[in-house]
Amino acid sequence: MSTSSSLWHASLADFQHAVETRSTPGCGTAAALNGCLGLALILKGLRLHRGESSEPDRHRRRLIAEGDALQQALAEAVDDDAAAFDDYLQAQRRSNDDAAESDPCDSALDEAREASIRIPLAAAERCREGLVLALEALPLTSSAMRSDTLAGATMLGAALEALVIGAEANLEALPVPATRQAMKARCEALRGEAEELRRRLGSDG
């Protein structure tokens, strides 16, 4: 146990050091990891609670299955966002270095730029779904663990906001105004939905 724990802490230390000292991983990767931890707190409350009737237990099992799927998606986003941002930086360097072959380089840069927005926004969507799950999970969570659920929801909300901030940072570089406007509207909609869900969680908590 101590060896596993030590390796796990060393991995977290390495991750923190990389965030502080390298271009990647960046805010999207860190935010997705935060979302994973927030969702873990919500799932903890569902898994450790013991219901008294079969109907709530069926509901709880469904929520756990949905939460596990969201957890997997957010876990993948941790790596995907880092890879997308690294691809973007490399494509940007190639575009600057190879002006004589600008067409293929510009195409690769456009694809990398689009991925650097699409991936964090998809992760932000998963965080929003996690907030919906938290709202459903709260009544099925024992009073002793409601703080975990509410704290997890707060972390998911913060992760969503950070992911949106990261996506917005790249919006101005999108070459098509209509695409840029659609992405901006998606960011604003996610913020609004998250704010409403967190308000409802606060009133239910």
N, C-alpha and C. Protein backbone atom coordinates (compact mmCIF):
# COMPACT_ATOMS: atom_id res chain seq x y z
N MET A 1 0.83 -1.20 0.00
CA MET A 1 0.00 0.00 0.00
C MET A 1 0.87 1.25 0.00
N SER A 2 1.91 1.26 0.84
CA SER A 2 2.75 2.45 0.92
C SER A 2 3.47 2.73 -0.39
N THR A 3 3.92 1.62 -1.07
CA THR A 3 4.60 1.80 -2.34
C THR A 3 3.68 2.40 -3.39
N SER A 4 2.44 1.86 -3.48
CA SER A 4 1.48 2.39 -4.44
C SER A 4 1.16 3.84 -4.13
N SER A 5 0.97 4.12 -2.84
CA SER A 5 0.66 5.49 -2.45
C SER A 5 1.80 6.42 -2.82
N SER A 6 3.03 5.99 -2.58
CA SER A 6 4.18 6.82 -2.89
C SER A 6 4.27 7.08 -4.38
N LEU A 7 4.05 6.06 -5.22
CA LEU A 7 4.08 6.23 -6.66
C LEU A 7 2.98 7.17 -7.13
N TRP A 8 1.82 7.04 -6.52
CA TRP A 8 0.71 7.91 -6.90
C TRP A 8 1.03 9.36 -6.58
N HIS A 9 1.58 9.62 -5.40
CA HIS A 9 1.93 10.99 -5.05
C HIS A 9 3.07 11.51 -5.94
N ALA A 10 3.98 10.66 -6.27
CA ALA A 10 5.06 11.08 -7.16
C ALA A 10 4.51 11.45 -8.52
N SER A 11 3.51 10.73 -9.00
CA SER A 11 2.89 11.03 -10.29
C SER A 11 2.18 12.39 -10.24
N LEU A 12 1.49 12.65 -9.15
CA LEU A 12 0.83 13.95 -9.00
C LEU A 12 1.87 15.07 -8.94
N ALA A 13 2.96 14.82 -8.24
CA ALA A 13 4.01 15.83 -8.16
C ALA A 13 4.61 16.11 -9.54
N ASP A 14 4.81 15.05 -10.31
CA ASP A 14 5.33 15.23 -11.66
C ASP A 14 4.35 16.01 -12.53
N PHE A 15 3.07 15.69 -12.39
CA PHE A 15 2.04 16.40 -13.16
C PHE A 15 2.05 17.89 -12.80
N GLN A 16 2.07 18.18 -11.52
CA GLN A 16 2.09 19.57 -11.09
C GLN A 16 3.31 20.29 -11.62
N HIS A 17 4.46 19.62 -11.58
CA HIS A 17 5.69 20.24 -12.06
C HIS A 17 5.59 20.52 -13.56
N ALA A 18 5.01 19.59 -14.32
CA ALA A 18 4.87 19.79 -15.76
C ALA A 18 3.94 20.96 -16.06
N VAL A 19 2.85 21.07 -15.31
CA VAL A 19 1.93 22.19 -15.51
C VAL A 19 2.63 23.52 -15.26
N GLU A 20 3.49 23.54 -14.27
CA GLU A 20 4.18 24.79 -13.89
C GLU A 20 5.30 25.17 -14.85
N THR A 21 5.91 24.19 -15.50
CA THR A 21 7.17 24.47 -16.20
C THR A 21 7.15 24.22 -17.71
N ARG A 22 6.07 23.63 -18.26
CA ARG A 22 6.03 23.32 -19.67
C ARG A 22 4.80 23.92 -20.33
N SER A 23 4.85 24.06 -21.65
CA SER A 23 3.70 24.58 -22.38
C SER A 23 2.51 23.62 -22.28
N THR A 24 2.80 22.33 -22.30
CA THR A 24 1.76 21.32 -22.09
C THR A 24 2.22 20.37 -20.98
N PRO A 25 1.31 19.90 -20.14
CA PRO A 25 -0.13 20.13 -20.13
C PRO A 25 -0.50 21.55 -19.70
N GLY A 26 -1.66 22.01 -20.22
CA GLY A 26 -2.11 23.36 -19.90
C GLY A 26 -3.40 23.36 -19.10
N CYS A 27 -4.13 24.46 -19.22
CA CYS A 27 -5.31 24.64 -18.37
C CYS A 27 -6.40 23.62 -18.67
N GLY A 28 -6.55 23.21 -19.94
CA GLY A 28 -7.58 22.22 -20.26
C GLY A 28 -7.32 20.88 -19.60
N THR A 29 -6.08 20.45 -19.62
CA THR A 29 -5.71 19.18 -19.00
C THR A 29 -5.90 19.25 -17.49
N ALA A 30 -5.43 20.33 -16.88
CA ALA A 30 -5.58 20.48 -15.43
C ALA A 30 -7.06 20.55 -15.05
N ALA A 31 -7.85 21.24 -15.86
CA ALA A 31 -9.28 21.36 -15.57
C ALA A 31 -9.99 20.03 -15.70
N ALA A 32 -9.65 19.25 -16.72
CA ALA A 32 -10.27 17.94 -16.90
C ALA A 32 -9.94 17.03 -15.72
N LEU A 33 -8.71 17.10 -15.23
CA LEU A 33 -8.33 16.32 -14.06
C LEU A 33 -9.15 16.75 -12.84
N ASN A 34 -9.34 18.05 -12.68
CA ASN A 34 -10.14 18.56 -11.57
C ASN A 34 -11.58 18.05 -11.69
N GLY A 35 -12.09 18.01 -12.93
CA GLY A 35 -13.43 17.48 -13.14
C GLY A 35 -13.53 16.01 -12.75
N CYS A 36 -12.48 15.24 -13.08
CA CYS A 36 -12.45 13.82 -12.68
C CYS A 36 -12.55 13.67 -11.17
N LEU A 37 -11.81 14.48 -10.45
CA LEU A 37 -11.82 14.39 -8.99
C LEU A 37 -13.18 14.82 -8.43
N GLY A 38 -13.76 15.85 -9.02
CA GLY A 38 -15.08 16.28 -8.57
C GLY A 38 -16.12 15.20 -8.78
N LEU A 39 -16.07 14.58 -9.94
CA LEU A 39 -17.02 13.50 -10.23
C LEU A 39 -16.80 12.32 -9.30
N ALA A 40 -15.54 12.06 -8.94
CA ALA A 40 -15.25 10.96 -8.02
C ALA A 40 -15.92 11.19 -6.66
N LEU A 41 -15.97 12.45 -6.21
CA LEU A 41 -16.65 12.74 -4.94
C LEU A 41 -18.15 12.49 -5.03
N ILE A 42 -18.73 12.82 -6.18
CA ILE A 42 -20.17 12.57 -6.37
C ILE A 42 -20.44 11.07 -6.41
N LEU A 43 -19.61 10.33 -7.13
CA LEU A 43 -19.78 8.88 -7.21
C LEU A 43 -19.54 8.21 -5.86
N LYS A 44 -18.65 8.79 -5.07
CA LYS A 44 -18.39 8.26 -3.73
C LYS A 44 -19.68 8.26 -2.91
N GLY A 45 -20.40 9.35 -2.94
CA GLY A 45 -21.65 9.43 -2.19
C GLY A 45 -22.68 8.43 -2.65
N LEU A 46 -22.71 8.15 -3.96
CA LEU A 46 -23.65 7.16 -4.49
C LEU A 46 -23.22 5.74 -4.14
N ARG A 47 -21.94 5.47 -4.22
CA ARG A 47 -21.46 4.10 -4.02
C ARG A 47 -21.51 3.67 -2.56
N LEU A 48 -21.24 4.59 -1.66
CA LEU A 48 -21.13 4.23 -0.25
C LEU A 48 -22.45 4.32 0.50
N HIS A 49 -23.47 4.86 -0.13
CA HIS A 49 -24.78 4.93 0.51
C HIS A 49 -25.52 3.62 0.31
N ARG A 50 -26.28 3.20 1.30
CA ARG A 50 -27.08 1.99 1.21
C ARG A 50 -28.55 2.37 1.31
N GLY A 51 -29.29 2.14 0.22
CA GLY A 51 -30.71 2.49 0.21
C GLY A 51 -31.56 1.44 0.91
N GLU A 52 -32.79 1.83 1.24
CA GLU A 52 -33.68 0.91 1.94
C GLU A 52 -34.70 0.27 1.01
N SER A 53 -34.91 0.84 -0.17
CA SER A 53 -35.89 0.27 -1.09
C SER A 53 -35.23 -0.03 -2.43
N SER A 54 -35.89 -0.91 -3.20
CA SER A 54 -35.30 -1.35 -4.46
C SER A 54 -35.30 -0.25 -5.51
N GLU A 55 -36.32 0.60 -5.51
CA GLU A 55 -36.40 1.63 -6.55
C GLU A 55 -35.25 2.62 -6.46
N PRO A 56 -34.96 3.21 -5.30
CA PRO A 56 -33.78 4.07 -5.21
C PRO A 56 -32.49 3.36 -5.57
N ASP A 57 -32.38 2.06 -5.22
CA ASP A 57 -31.16 1.33 -5.57
C ASP A 57 -31.01 1.21 -7.07
N ARG A 58 -32.11 0.97 -7.78
CA ARG A 58 -32.04 0.91 -9.24
C ARG A 58 -31.64 2.27 -9.80
N HIS A 59 -32.19 3.33 -9.26
CA HIS A 59 -31.85 4.69 -9.69
C HIS A 59 -30.38 4.96 -9.43
N ARG A 60 -29.91 4.55 -8.26
CA ARG A 60 -28.51 4.78 -7.90
C ARG A 60 -27.57 4.01 -8.83
N ARG A 61 -27.92 2.78 -9.15
CA ARG A 61 -27.07 2.01 -10.07
C ARG A 61 -27.01 2.67 -11.44
N ARG A 62 -28.12 3.22 -11.89
CA ARG A 62 -28.12 3.91 -13.18
C ARG A 62 -27.22 5.13 -13.14
N LEU A 63 -27.32 5.89 -12.06
CA LEU A 63 -26.48 7.08 -11.94
C LEU A 63 -25.00 6.72 -11.85
N ILE A 64 -24.69 5.64 -11.15
CA ILE A 64 -23.29 5.20 -11.06
C ILE A 64 -22.76 4.82 -12.44
N ALA A 65 -23.58 4.11 -13.22
CA ALA A 65 -23.15 3.73 -14.57
C ALA A 65 -22.92 4.97 -15.43
N GLU A 66 -23.83 5.94 -15.33
CA GLU A 66 -23.66 7.18 -16.10
C GLU A 66 -22.42 7.93 -15.63
N GLY A 67 -22.22 7.95 -14.31
CA GLY A 67 -21.05 8.63 -13.77
C GLY A 67 -19.75 7.98 -14.19
N ASP A 68 -19.74 6.65 -14.23
CA ASP A 68 -18.54 5.94 -14.67
C ASP A 68 -18.19 6.30 -16.12
N ALA A 69 -19.22 6.41 -16.96
CA ALA A 69 -18.99 6.77 -18.36
C ALA A 69 -18.45 8.19 -18.48
N LEU A 70 -19.00 9.10 -17.69
CA LEU A 70 -18.50 10.48 -17.68
C LEU A 70 -17.07 10.53 -17.17
N GLN A 71 -16.80 9.74 -16.14
CA GLN A 71 -15.45 9.68 -15.58
C GLN A 71 -14.43 9.24 -16.63
N GLN A 72 -14.81 8.23 -17.41
CA GLN A 72 -13.93 7.73 -18.46
C GLN A 72 -13.69 8.80 -19.52
N ALA A 73 -14.75 9.51 -19.90
CA ALA A 73 -14.62 10.56 -20.92
C ALA A 73 -13.73 11.69 -20.43
N LEU A 74 -13.89 12.10 -19.18
CA LEU A 74 -13.06 13.17 -18.64
C LEU A 74 -11.61 12.70 -18.48
N ALA A 75 -11.43 11.44 -18.09
CA ALA A 75 -10.07 10.91 -17.97
C ALA A 75 -9.36 10.93 -19.32
N GLU A 76 -10.07 10.58 -20.37
CA GLU A 76 -9.49 10.62 -21.71
C GLU A 76 -9.18 12.05 -22.13
N ALA A 77 -10.03 12.99 -21.71
CA ALA A 77 -9.82 14.39 -22.07
C ALA A 77 -8.54 14.94 -21.47
N VAL A 78 -8.11 14.41 -20.33
CA VAL A 78 -6.85 14.86 -19.72
C VAL A 78 -5.71 14.69 -20.71
N ASP A 79 -5.62 13.51 -21.32
CA ASP A 79 -4.57 13.24 -22.30
C ASP A 79 -4.86 13.92 -23.64
N ASP A 80 -6.13 13.87 -24.05
CA ASP A 80 -6.49 14.41 -25.37
C ASP A 80 -6.22 15.91 -25.46
N ASP A 81 -6.52 16.64 -24.39
CA ASP A 81 -6.30 18.09 -24.43
C ASP A 81 -4.81 18.41 -24.51
N ALA A 82 -4.00 17.68 -23.75
CA ALA A 82 -2.56 17.91 -23.80
C ALA A 82 -2.02 17.62 -25.19
N ALA A 83 -2.49 16.52 -25.79
CA ALA A 83 -2.03 16.15 -27.14
C ALA A 83 -2.47 17.19 -28.17
N ALA A 84 -3.72 17.66 -28.03
CA ALA A 84 -4.24 18.63 -29.00
C ALA A 84 -3.46 19.94 -28.93
N PHE A 85 -3.15 20.39 -27.72
CA PHE A 85 -2.42 21.65 -27.59
C PHE A 85 -0.99 21.49 -28.08
N ASP A 86 -0.39 20.32 -27.83
CA ASP A 86 0.96 20.07 -28.35
C ASP A 86 0.95 20.05 -29.88
N ASP A 87 -0.06 19.43 -30.48
CA ASP A 87 -0.19 19.43 -31.94
C ASP A 87 -0.35 20.85 -32.48
N TYR A 88 -1.11 21.65 -31.77
CA TYR A 88 -1.33 23.04 -32.19
C TYR A 88 -0.01 23.82 -32.18
N LEU A 89 0.76 23.67 -31.11
CA LEU A 89 2.03 24.38 -31.02
C LEU A 89 2.99 23.94 -32.13
N GLN A 90 3.01 22.63 -32.40
CA GLN A 90 3.89 22.13 -33.46
C GLN A 90 3.44 22.62 -34.83
N ALA A 91 2.14 22.61 -35.08
CA ALA A 91 1.62 23.09 -36.37
C ALA A 91 1.90 24.58 -36.54
N GLN A 92 1.82 25.31 -35.45
CA GLN A 92 2.10 26.75 -35.50
C GLN A 92 3.56 27.00 -35.85
N ARG A 93 4.45 26.20 -35.26
CA ARG A 93 5.88 26.34 -35.57
C ARG A 93 6.16 25.98 -37.02
N ARG A 94 5.55 24.90 -37.52
CA ARG A 94 5.76 24.52 -38.91
C ARG A 94 5.24 25.58 -39.87
N SER A 95 4.11 26.18 -39.53
CA SER A 95 3.55 27.22 -40.38
C SER A 95 4.45 28.43 -40.44
N ASN A 96 5.07 28.76 -39.33
CA ASN A 96 5.99 29.90 -39.29
C ASN A 96 7.30 29.61 -40.02
N ASP A 97 7.74 28.34 -39.94
CA ASP A 97 9.03 27.98 -40.53
C ASP A 97 8.95 27.70 -42.03
N ASP A 98 7.78 27.24 -42.49
CA ASP A 98 7.66 26.77 -43.88
C ASP A 98 6.73 27.67 -44.67
N ALA A 99 7.06 28.94 -44.76
CA ALA A 99 6.19 29.89 -45.46
C ALA A 99 6.02 29.52 -46.93
N ALA A 100 7.02 28.90 -47.54
CA ALA A 100 6.94 28.55 -48.96
C ALA A 100 5.91 27.44 -49.20
N GLU A 101 5.58 26.66 -48.17
CA GLU A 101 4.57 25.60 -48.31
C GLU A 101 3.41 25.91 -47.37
N SER A 102 2.88 27.09 -47.50
CA SER A 102 1.91 27.57 -46.53
C SER A 102 0.58 26.83 -46.59
N ASP A 103 0.15 26.36 -47.76
CA ASP A 103 -1.16 25.74 -47.85
C ASP A 103 -1.30 24.49 -46.98
N PRO A 104 -0.44 23.46 -47.13
CA PRO A 104 -0.57 22.29 -46.25
C PRO A 104 -0.32 22.63 -44.79
N CYS A 105 0.60 23.55 -44.55
CA CYS A 105 0.89 23.92 -43.16
C CYS A 105 -0.30 24.65 -42.54
N ASP A 106 -0.90 25.55 -43.33
CA ASP A 106 -2.06 26.27 -42.82
C ASP A 106 -3.23 25.33 -42.56
N SER A 107 -3.39 24.32 -43.41
CA SER A 107 -4.46 23.34 -43.21
C SER A 107 -4.25 22.57 -41.92
N ALA A 108 -3.02 22.14 -41.68
CA ALA A 108 -2.71 21.42 -40.44
C ALA A 108 -2.92 22.32 -39.23
N LEU A 109 -2.55 23.59 -39.38
CA LEU A 109 -2.73 24.53 -38.28
C LEU A 109 -4.21 24.74 -37.98
N ASP A 110 -5.02 24.85 -39.04
CA ASP A 110 -6.46 25.03 -38.85
C ASP A 110 -7.07 23.83 -38.13
N GLU A 111 -6.64 22.62 -38.53
CA GLU A 111 -7.15 21.41 -37.88
C GLU A 111 -6.73 21.35 -36.41
N ALA A 112 -5.49 21.70 -36.14
CA ALA A 112 -5.00 21.68 -34.76
C ALA A 112 -5.69 22.73 -33.91
N ARG A 113 -5.92 23.89 -34.50
CA ARG A 113 -6.61 24.96 -33.79
C ARG A 113 -8.05 24.56 -33.45
N GLU A 114 -8.71 23.93 -34.41
CA GLU A 114 -10.08 23.48 -34.18
C GLU A 114 -10.13 22.44 -33.06
N ALA A 115 -9.17 21.52 -33.06
CA ALA A 115 -9.12 20.50 -32.01
C ALA A 115 -8.85 21.11 -30.65
N SER A 116 -8.04 22.17 -30.61
CA SER A 116 -7.72 22.81 -29.33
C SER A 116 -8.93 23.51 -28.73
N ILE A 117 -9.98 23.70 -29.53
CA ILE A 117 -11.23 24.27 -29.03
C ILE A 117 -12.27 23.17 -28.80
N ARG A 118 -12.36 22.27 -29.76
CA ARG A 118 -13.38 21.22 -29.71
C ARG A 118 -13.19 20.30 -28.50
N ILE A 119 -11.95 19.91 -28.21
CA ILE A 119 -11.71 18.94 -27.14
C ILE A 119 -12.05 19.51 -25.76
N PRO A 120 -11.58 20.72 -25.39
CA PRO A 120 -11.99 21.24 -24.09
C PRO A 120 -13.48 21.53 -23.98
N LEU A 121 -14.12 21.93 -25.10
CA LEU A 121 -15.56 22.16 -25.04
C LEU A 121 -16.32 20.85 -24.84
N ALA A 122 -15.85 19.77 -25.46
CA ALA A 122 -16.47 18.47 -25.23
C ALA A 122 -16.31 18.05 -23.77
N ALA A 123 -15.14 18.31 -23.20
CA ALA A 123 -14.93 18.00 -21.78
C ALA A 123 -15.82 18.86 -20.90
N ALA A 124 -16.00 20.13 -21.29
CA ALA A 124 -16.90 21.01 -20.53
C ALA A 124 -18.34 20.48 -20.57
N GLU A 125 -18.74 19.92 -21.71
CA GLU A 125 -20.06 19.30 -21.81
C GLU A 125 -20.18 18.15 -20.82
N ARG A 126 -19.13 17.37 -20.70
CA ARG A 126 -19.16 16.26 -19.74
C ARG A 126 -19.26 16.78 -18.31
N CYS A 127 -18.61 17.90 -18.03
CA CYS A 127 -18.73 18.51 -16.70
C CYS A 127 -20.16 18.96 -16.45
N ARG A 128 -20.80 19.53 -17.46
CA ARG A 128 -22.20 19.94 -17.31
C ARG A 128 -23.07 18.72 -17.03
N GLU A 129 -22.83 17.62 -17.74
CA GLU A 129 -23.58 16.39 -17.48
C GLU A 129 -23.31 15.88 -16.07
N GLY A 130 -22.09 16.08 -15.59
CA GLY A 130 -21.77 15.69 -14.22
C GLY A 130 -22.56 16.51 -13.21
N LEU A 131 -22.79 17.79 -13.50
CA LEU A 131 -23.60 18.62 -12.62
C LEU A 131 -25.05 18.15 -12.60
N VAL A 132 -25.56 17.74 -13.77
CA VAL A 132 -26.91 17.17 -13.82
C VAL A 132 -26.97 15.91 -12.96
N LEU A 133 -25.93 15.08 -13.08
CA LEU A 133 -25.88 13.86 -12.28
C LEU A 133 -25.83 14.19 -10.78
N ALA A 134 -25.07 15.21 -10.41
CA ALA A 134 -24.98 15.60 -9.00
C ALA A 134 -26.34 16.01 -8.46
N LEU A 135 -27.12 16.71 -9.29
CA LEU A 135 -28.44 17.14 -8.87
C LEU A 135 -29.35 15.94 -8.62
N GLU A 136 -29.23 14.92 -9.46
CA GLU A 136 -30.01 13.69 -9.26
C GLU A 136 -29.49 12.88 -8.09
N ALA A 137 -28.17 12.93 -7.90
CA ALA A 137 -27.56 12.09 -6.86
C ALA A 137 -27.81 12.62 -5.45
N LEU A 138 -27.97 13.92 -5.32
CA LEU A 138 -28.04 14.52 -3.99
C LEU A 138 -29.13 13.91 -3.11
N PRO A 139 -30.36 13.72 -3.62
CA PRO A 139 -31.39 13.12 -2.75
C PRO A 139 -31.12 11.67 -2.39
N LEU A 140 -30.26 10.99 -3.17
CA LEU A 140 -29.95 9.59 -2.91
C LEU A 140 -28.67 9.42 -2.08
N THR A 141 -28.12 10.52 -1.64
CA THR A 141 -26.86 10.51 -0.88
C THR A 141 -27.15 10.75 0.59
N SER A 142 -26.53 9.98 1.45
CA SER A 142 -26.76 10.14 2.88
C SER A 142 -26.27 11.51 3.34
N SER A 143 -26.84 11.99 4.43
CA SER A 143 -26.52 13.33 4.93
C SER A 143 -25.02 13.46 5.23
N ALA A 144 -24.40 12.36 5.64
CA ALA A 144 -22.97 12.40 5.98
C ALA A 144 -22.10 12.65 4.75
N MET A 145 -22.63 12.38 3.56
CA MET A 145 -21.82 12.51 2.34
C MET A 145 -22.32 13.59 1.40
N ARG A 146 -23.32 14.35 1.83
CA ARG A 146 -23.82 15.42 0.97
C ARG A 146 -22.75 16.48 0.72
N SER A 147 -21.89 16.68 1.70
CA SER A 147 -20.81 17.66 1.51
C SER A 147 -19.87 17.22 0.39
N ASP A 148 -19.63 15.90 0.28
CA ASP A 148 -18.79 15.40 -0.81
C ASP A 148 -19.44 15.68 -2.16
N THR A 149 -20.74 15.42 -2.24
CA THR A 149 -21.46 15.65 -3.50
C THR A 149 -21.43 17.13 -3.88
N LEU A 150 -21.68 17.99 -2.91
CA LEU A 150 -21.70 19.43 -3.19
C LEU A 150 -20.30 19.95 -3.52
N ALA A 151 -19.30 19.44 -2.81
CA ALA A 151 -17.93 19.84 -3.12
C ALA A 151 -17.54 19.35 -4.52
N GLY A 152 -17.93 18.12 -4.85
CA GLY A 152 -17.65 17.59 -6.18
C GLY A 152 -18.31 18.41 -7.26
N ALA A 153 -19.54 18.84 -7.02
CA ALA A 153 -20.23 19.68 -7.99
C ALA A 153 -19.53 21.03 -8.15
N THR A 154 -19.04 21.57 -7.06
CA THR A 154 -18.30 22.83 -7.13
C THR A 154 -17.04 22.67 -7.97
N MET A 155 -16.35 21.54 -7.80
CA MET A 155 -15.15 21.27 -8.59
C MET A 155 -15.49 21.09 -10.07
N LEU A 156 -16.60 20.42 -10.35
CA LEU A 156 -17.03 20.27 -11.74
C LEU A 156 -17.36 21.62 -12.37
N GLY A 157 -18.03 22.47 -11.59
CA GLY A 157 -18.36 23.80 -12.11
C GLY A 157 -17.11 24.60 -12.40
N ALA A 158 -16.12 24.52 -11.51
CA ALA A 158 -14.86 25.23 -11.74
C ALA A 158 -14.12 24.65 -12.94
N ALA A 159 -14.15 23.33 -13.08
CA ALA A 159 -13.51 22.69 -14.23
C ALA A 159 -14.15 23.13 -15.53
N LEU A 160 -15.48 23.18 -15.54
CA LEU A 160 -16.19 23.64 -16.74
C LEU A 160 -15.77 25.06 -17.11
N GLU A 161 -15.73 25.94 -16.13
CA GLU A 161 -15.34 27.33 -16.40
C GLU A 161 -13.91 27.40 -16.94
N ALA A 162 -13.01 26.65 -16.36
CA ALA A 162 -11.62 26.66 -16.81
C ALA A 162 -11.49 26.11 -18.23
N LEU A 163 -12.25 25.06 -18.54
CA LEU A 163 -12.22 24.50 -19.88
C LEU A 163 -12.76 25.50 -20.91
N VAL A 164 -13.80 26.20 -20.55
CA VAL A 164 -14.37 27.21 -21.45
C VAL A 164 -13.37 28.35 -21.66
N ILE A 165 -12.72 28.77 -20.58
CA ILE A 165 -11.71 29.84 -20.71
C ILE A 165 -10.61 29.40 -21.69
N GLY A 166 -10.16 28.16 -21.56
CA GLY A 166 -9.12 27.66 -22.46
C GLY A 166 -9.58 27.63 -23.91
N ALA A 167 -10.83 27.22 -24.13
CA ALA A 167 -11.36 27.19 -25.49
C ALA A 167 -11.49 28.61 -26.04
N GLU A 168 -11.98 29.51 -25.23
CA GLU A 168 -12.17 30.90 -25.68
C GLU A 168 -10.86 31.56 -26.07
N ALA A 169 -9.78 31.15 -25.44
CA ALA A 169 -8.48 31.76 -25.73
C ALA A 169 -8.07 31.55 -27.19
N ASN A 170 -8.61 30.52 -27.82
CA ASN A 170 -8.24 30.21 -29.20
C ASN A 170 -9.29 30.62 -30.22
N LEU A 171 -10.40 31.18 -29.77
CA LEU A 171 -11.50 31.48 -30.69
C LEU A 171 -11.12 32.52 -31.74
N GLU A 172 -10.41 33.55 -31.34
CA GLU A 172 -10.12 34.64 -32.27
C GLU A 172 -9.28 34.20 -33.45
N ALA A 173 -8.56 33.10 -33.29
CA ALA A 173 -7.71 32.61 -34.37
C ALA A 173 -8.48 31.79 -35.40
N LEU A 174 -9.75 31.46 -35.13
CA LEU A 174 -10.53 30.71 -36.10
C LEU A 174 -10.77 31.56 -37.34
N PRO A 175 -10.53 31.02 -38.55
CA PRO A 175 -10.61 31.84 -39.76
C PRO A 175 -12.03 32.14 -40.22
N VAL A 176 -13.01 31.33 -39.85
CA VAL A 176 -14.38 31.51 -40.34
C VAL A 176 -15.22 32.20 -39.26
N PRO A 177 -15.71 33.41 -39.53
CA PRO A 177 -16.47 34.15 -38.50
C PRO A 177 -17.69 33.39 -37.98
N ALA A 178 -18.40 32.70 -38.86
CA ALA A 178 -19.60 31.99 -38.42
C ALA A 178 -19.25 30.87 -37.44
N THR A 179 -18.15 30.17 -37.72
CA THR A 179 -17.70 29.11 -36.80
C THR A 179 -17.29 29.70 -35.47
N ARG A 180 -16.57 30.82 -35.53
CA ARG A 180 -16.13 31.48 -34.31
C ARG A 180 -17.33 31.92 -33.47
N GLN A 181 -18.35 32.47 -34.11
CA GLN A 181 -19.53 32.93 -33.39
C GLN A 181 -20.30 31.75 -32.79
N ALA A 182 -20.37 30.64 -33.54
CA ALA A 182 -21.07 29.46 -33.02
C ALA A 182 -20.36 28.90 -31.80
N MET A 183 -19.03 28.85 -31.84
CA MET A 183 -18.26 28.36 -30.70
C MET A 183 -18.41 29.28 -29.49
N LYS A 184 -18.43 30.58 -29.76
CA LYS A 184 -18.60 31.54 -28.67
C LYS A 184 -19.97 31.38 -28.02
N ALA A 185 -20.99 31.16 -28.83
CA ALA A 185 -22.34 30.96 -28.29
C ALA A 185 -22.40 29.69 -27.46
N ARG A 186 -21.69 28.65 -27.90
CA ARG A 186 -21.65 27.40 -27.15
C ARG A 186 -21.00 27.61 -25.79
N CYS A 187 -19.92 28.39 -25.75
CA CYS A 187 -19.26 28.70 -24.48
C CYS A 187 -20.21 29.41 -23.53
N GLU A 188 -20.92 30.40 -24.05
CA GLU A 188 -21.84 31.18 -23.21
C GLU A 188 -22.99 30.32 -22.72
N ALA A 189 -23.48 29.42 -23.59
CA ALA A 189 -24.57 28.54 -23.18
C ALA A 189 -24.13 27.59 -22.07
N LEU A 190 -22.93 27.05 -22.19
CA LEU A 190 -22.41 26.15 -21.16
C LEU A 190 -22.29 26.86 -19.82
N ARG A 191 -21.81 28.09 -19.86
CA ARG A 191 -21.69 28.87 -18.62
C ARG A 191 -23.07 29.07 -17.98
N GLY A 192 -24.04 29.43 -18.80
CA GLY A 192 -25.38 29.68 -18.27
C GLY A 192 -26.00 28.43 -17.69
N GLU A 193 -25.86 27.31 -18.38
CA GLU A 193 -26.42 26.05 -17.88
C GLU A 193 -25.74 25.63 -16.58
N ALA A 194 -24.43 25.78 -16.51
CA ALA A 194 -23.71 25.41 -15.30
C ALA A 194 -24.13 26.29 -14.12
N GLU A 195 -24.28 27.57 -14.38
CA GLU A 195 -24.70 28.47 -13.31
C GLU A 195 -26.07 28.10 -12.77
N GLU A 196 -27.00 27.75 -13.66
CA GLU A 196 -28.34 27.36 -13.22
C GLU A 196 -28.31 26.05 -12.43
N LEU A 197 -27.52 25.09 -12.89
CA LEU A 197 -27.42 23.82 -12.17
C LEU A 197 -26.81 24.00 -10.79
N ARG A 198 -25.78 24.84 -10.70
CA ARG A 198 -25.17 25.07 -9.40
C ARG A 198 -26.12 25.84 -8.47
N ARG A 199 -26.93 26.72 -9.04
CA ARG A 199 -27.93 27.42 -8.22
C ARG A 199 -28.92 26.42 -7.65
N ARG A 200 -29.37 25.49 -8.48
CA ARG A 200 -30.32 24.49 -8.03
C ARG A 200 -29.69 23.57 -6.99
N LEU A 201 -28.44 23.22 -7.17
CA LEU A 201 -27.75 22.41 -6.17
C LEU A 201 -27.63 23.14 -4.85
N GLY A 202 -27.36 24.44 -4.91
CA GLY A 202 -27.26 25.23 -3.69
C GLY A 202 -28.57 25.31 -2.95
N SER A 203 -29.67 25.44 -3.68
CA SER A 203 -30.97 25.55 -3.03
C SER A 203 -31.42 24.20 -2.47
N ASP A 204 -30.98 23.10 -3.14
CA ASP A 204 -31.32 21.77 -2.63
C ASP A 204 -30.41 21.33 -1.50
N GLY A 205 -29.21 21.94 -1.43
CA GLY A 205 -28.26 21.50 -0.41
C GLY A 205 -28.56 22.08 0.95
